[in-house]
Amino acid sequence: MEHRTILTDLPTSVRGFVYQDDSGEPVIVLNARLPREQNRRTYDHEQKHITRGDMYEPTYDEYGGNET
């Protein structure tokens, strides 16, 4: 399933992220400063977070060691 995606300039240390918009729908944000292939991998990565429901889990921390 495809989700709304925004391509915008972010710091190069940030590849992308996903958030919920005002209606609760997921939005994937990708870094316009990075190559297309990197953004494709980042999109797939963020899509996995949506599929698993990570963004709805208040204790989820991608960098805390519980991300696969």
C-alpha atoms as a PDB file:
ATOM      1  CA  MET A   1       0.000   0.000   0.000  1.00  0.00           C
ATOM      2  CA  GLU A   2       1.315   3.428  -0.893  1.00  0.00           C
ATOM      3  CA  HIS A   3       1.121   6.293   1.544  1.00  0.00           C
ATOM      4  CA  ARG A   4       1.386  10.032   1.134  1.00  0.00           C
ATOM      5  CA  THR A   5       5.048  10.888   0.730  1.00  0.00           C
ATOM      6  CA  ILE A   6       6.804  14.223   1.088  1.00  0.00           C
ATOM      7  CA  LEU A   7      10.237  14.889  -0.398  1.00  0.00           C
ATOM      8  CA  THR A   8      11.937  17.781   1.413  1.00  0.00           C
ATOM      9  CA  ASP A   9      15.388  19.020   2.366  1.00  0.00           C
ATOM     10  CA  LEU A  10      16.474  17.553   5.702  1.00  0.00           C
ATOM     11  CA  PRO A  11      19.885  17.420   7.375  1.00  0.00           C
ATOM     12  CA  THR A  12      21.951  14.772   5.579  1.00  0.00           C
ATOM     13  CA  SER A  13      22.097  12.771   8.809  1.00  0.00           C
ATOM     14  CA  VAL A  14      18.311  12.229   8.543  1.00  0.00           C
ATOM     15  CA  ARG A  15      17.223   9.811   5.833  1.00  0.00           C
ATOM     16  CA  GLY A  16      13.520  10.080   6.551  1.00  0.00           C
ATOM     17  CA  PHE A  17      10.740   9.349   8.982  1.00  0.00           C
ATOM     18  CA  VAL A  18       7.031   8.625   9.229  1.00  0.00           C
ATOM     19  CA  TYR A  19       4.390  10.503  11.200  1.00  0.00           C
ATOM     20  CA  GLN A  20       0.609  10.655  11.502  1.00  0.00           C
ATOM     21  CA  ASP A  21      -1.167  13.611   9.923  1.00  0.00           C
ATOM     22  CA  ASP A  22      -4.150  15.344  11.566  1.00  0.00           C
ATOM     23  CA  SER A  23      -6.508  12.647  10.284  1.00  0.00           C
ATOM     24  CA  GLY A  24      -4.311   9.843  11.680  1.00  0.00           C
ATOM     25  CA  GLU A  25      -2.998   8.749   8.291  1.00  0.00           C
ATOM     26  CA  PRO A  26       0.706   7.928   7.963  1.00  0.00           C
ATOM     27  CA  VAL A  27       2.921  10.293   5.968  1.00  0.00           C
ATOM     28  CA  ILE A  28       6.431   9.308   4.893  1.00  0.00           C
ATOM     29  CA  VAL A  29       8.995  12.126   4.717  1.00  0.00           C
ATOM     30  CA  LEU A  30      12.109  11.535   2.601  1.00  0.00           C
ATOM     31  CA  ASN A  31      15.269  13.621   2.364  1.00  0.00           C
ATOM     32  CA  ALA A  32      15.516  15.406  -0.997  1.00  0.00           C
ATOM     33  CA  ARG A  33      19.272  15.826  -0.470  1.00  0.00           C
ATOM     34  CA  LEU A  34      19.865  12.081  -0.771  1.00  0.00           C
ATOM     35  CA  PRO A  35      20.061   9.964  -3.938  1.00  0.00           C
ATOM     36  CA  ARG A  36      16.927   8.364  -5.351  1.00  0.00           C
ATOM     37  CA  GLU A  37      18.063   4.818  -4.492  1.00  0.00           C
ATOM     38  CA  GLN A  38      18.663   5.787  -0.855  1.00  0.00           C
ATOM     39  CA  ASN A  39      15.187   7.320  -0.723  1.00  0.00           C
ATOM     40  CA  ARG A  40      13.730   4.131  -2.169  1.00  0.00           C
ATOM     41  CA  ARG A  41      15.367   2.091   0.625  1.00  0.00           C
ATOM     42  CA  THR A  42      14.238   4.625   3.222  1.00  0.00           C
ATOM     43  CA  TYR A  43      10.676   4.500   1.866  1.00  0.00           C
ATOM     44  CA  ASP A  44      10.676   0.706   2.168  1.00  0.00           C
ATOM     45  CA  HIS A  45      12.062   0.964   5.704  1.00  0.00           C
ATOM     46  CA  GLU A  46       9.384   3.460   6.785  1.00  0.00           C
ATOM     47  CA  GLN A  47       6.712   1.360   5.079  1.00  0.00           C
ATOM     48  CA  LYS A  48       7.719  -1.551   7.346  1.00  0.00           C
ATOM     49  CA  HIS A  49       7.176   0.658  10.386  1.00  0.00           C
ATOM     50  CA  ILE A  50       3.666   1.442   9.157  1.00  0.00           C
ATOM     51  CA  THR A  51       2.873  -2.201   8.375  1.00  0.00           C
ATOM     52  CA  ARG A  52       4.066  -3.341  11.810  1.00  0.00           C
ATOM     53  CA  GLY A  53       2.160  -0.527  13.512  1.00  0.00           C
ATOM     54  CA  ASP A  54       5.296   0.856  15.165  1.00  0.00           C
ATOM     55  CA  MET A  55       4.061   4.417  14.905  1.00  0.00           C
ATOM     56  CA  TYR A  56       1.025   3.552  17.023  1.00  0.00           C
ATOM     57  CA  GLU A  57       3.099   2.040  19.851  1.00  0.00           C
ATOM     58  CA  PRO A  58       3.910   4.779  22.384  1.00  0.00           C
ATOM     59  CA  THR A  59       6.949   2.942  23.776  1.00  0.00           C
ATOM     60  CA  TYR A  60       8.525   2.183  20.389  1.00  0.00           C
ATOM     61  CA  ASP A  61      12.073   3.510  20.009  1.00  0.00           C
ATOM     62  CA  GLU A  62      13.773   2.657  16.719  1.00  0.00           C
ATOM     63  CA  TYR A  63      17.180   3.429  18.161  1.00  0.00           C
ATOM     64  CA  GLY A  64      16.570   1.649  21.454  1.00  0.00           C
ATOM     65  CA  GLY A  65      17.381  -1.785  20.066  1.00  0.00           C
ATOM     66  CA  ASN A  66      13.878  -3.082  19.341  1.00  0.00           C
ATOM     67  CA  GLU A  67      13.878  -2.354  15.613  1.00  0.00           C
ATOM     68  CA  THR A  68      14.447  -5.120  13.063  1.00  0.00           C
END
